[in-house]
Amino acid sequence: MPYPNPASNHLNLDIQLFNAPQGIITIFDVNGRMMHQYTITNKGKNIIQQQIAINDYAEGLYFVQLKTEKGSIVKKITVIK
């Protein structure tokens, strides 16, 4: 789940990979343009914490996608300045 939401400087993600070996986090803007992509690896932790700098993003709506071999999930975030 991404937090804080709305966010301005950084975004925190608490990620559960549910026994998947790795996951890919992708952030898209409202037009579908990929802003950033990160690969995370399951190192035996139940929850992986990731912090993403978003201070260079324009204000608006974005989508955070987590994709693993087991499926994908998308969450909406709002960037404010």
Protein backbone atom coordinates (compact mmCIF):
# COMPACT_ATOMS: atom_id res chain seq x y z
CA MET A 1 0.00 0.00 0.00
CA PRO A 2 1.51 3.38 -1.00
CA TYR A 3 1.65 6.13 1.62
CA PRO A 4 1.39 9.00 2.24
CA ASN A 5 -1.38 9.65 -0.23
CA PRO A 6 -1.44 12.41 -1.33
CA ALA A 7 2.35 12.70 -1.42
CA SER A 8 4.79 15.44 -2.37
CA ASN A 9 8.46 14.48 -1.91
CA HIS A 10 8.58 10.71 -1.49
CA LEU A 11 6.34 7.69 -1.55
CA ASN A 12 6.66 4.74 0.81
CA LEU A 13 5.62 1.26 -0.25
CA ASP A 14 5.12 -1.74 2.02
CA ILE A 15 5.22 -4.73 -0.33
CA GLN A 16 4.32 -8.37 0.20
CA LEU A 17 5.57 -10.63 -2.58
CA PHE A 18 3.72 -13.72 -1.26
CA ASN A 19 6.59 -16.15 -1.91
CA ALA A 20 7.30 -14.78 -5.39
CA PRO A 21 11.07 -14.50 -5.98
CA GLN A 22 10.85 -10.93 -7.25
CA GLY A 23 8.48 -8.17 -8.23
CA ILE A 24 8.51 -5.15 -10.51
CA ILE A 25 7.16 -1.81 -9.33
CA THR A 26 6.18 0.54 -12.15
CA ILE A 27 4.84 4.06 -11.78
CA PHE A 28 2.71 5.45 -14.62
CA ASP A 29 1.28 8.91 -15.11
CA VAL A 30 -2.36 9.41 -16.02
CA ASN A 31 -1.49 9.22 -19.74
CA GLY A 32 0.12 5.78 -19.35
CA ARG A 33 3.70 7.05 -19.60
CA MET A 34 6.12 5.03 -17.48
CA MET A 35 7.79 7.34 -14.96
CA HIS A 36 10.00 4.82 -13.12
CA GLN A 37 10.48 1.09 -12.80
CA TYR A 38 12.10 -0.79 -9.92
CA THR A 39 12.85 -4.47 -9.45
CA ILE A 40 12.61 -5.80 -5.91
CA THR A 41 13.86 -9.17 -4.72
CA ASN A 42 12.29 -11.33 -2.04
CA LYS A 43 15.00 -11.87 0.55
CA GLY A 44 12.87 -13.93 2.91
CA LYS A 45 11.19 -10.93 4.50
CA ASN A 46 7.44 -10.92 4.94
CA ILE A 47 7.17 -7.22 4.05
CA ILE A 48 9.65 -5.27 1.92
CA GLN A 49 9.77 -1.51 2.42
CA GLN A 50 10.68 0.72 -0.50
CA GLN A 51 10.91 4.51 -0.60
CA ILE A 52 10.63 6.28 -3.96
CA ALA A 53 11.56 9.92 -4.60
CA ILE A 54 8.74 11.72 -6.40
CA ASN A 55 9.81 15.33 -5.83
CA ASP A 56 10.40 15.78 -9.60
CA TYR A 57 6.88 14.58 -10.51
CA ALA A 58 4.31 17.16 -11.59
CA GLU A 59 1.12 17.48 -9.54
CA GLY A 60 -1.52 15.00 -10.56
CA LEU A 61 -2.71 11.42 -10.54
CA TYR A 62 -0.33 8.46 -10.91
CA PHE A 63 -0.63 4.69 -10.79
CA VAL A 64 1.69 2.34 -8.92
CA GLN A 65 1.72 -1.23 -10.25
CA LEU A 66 3.28 -4.22 -8.51
CA LYS A 67 3.70 -7.19 -10.84
CA THR A 68 4.93 -10.66 -9.85
CA GLU A 69 4.67 -14.13 -11.35
CA LYS A 70 1.56 -14.55 -9.19
CA GLY A 71 -0.30 -11.52 -10.59
CA SER A 72 -0.42 -7.75 -10.39
CA ILE A 73 -2.08 -4.98 -8.42
CA VAL A 74 -2.47 -1.27 -9.20
CA LYS A 75 -2.97 1.56 -6.70
CA LYS A 76 -3.72 5.25 -7.37
CA ILE A 77 -1.67 8.03 -5.82
CA THR A 78 -1.94 11.79 -5.97
CA VAL A 79 1.12 14.04 -6.09
CA ILE A 80 0.74 17.52 -4.63
CA LYS A 81 3.26 20.36 -4.32
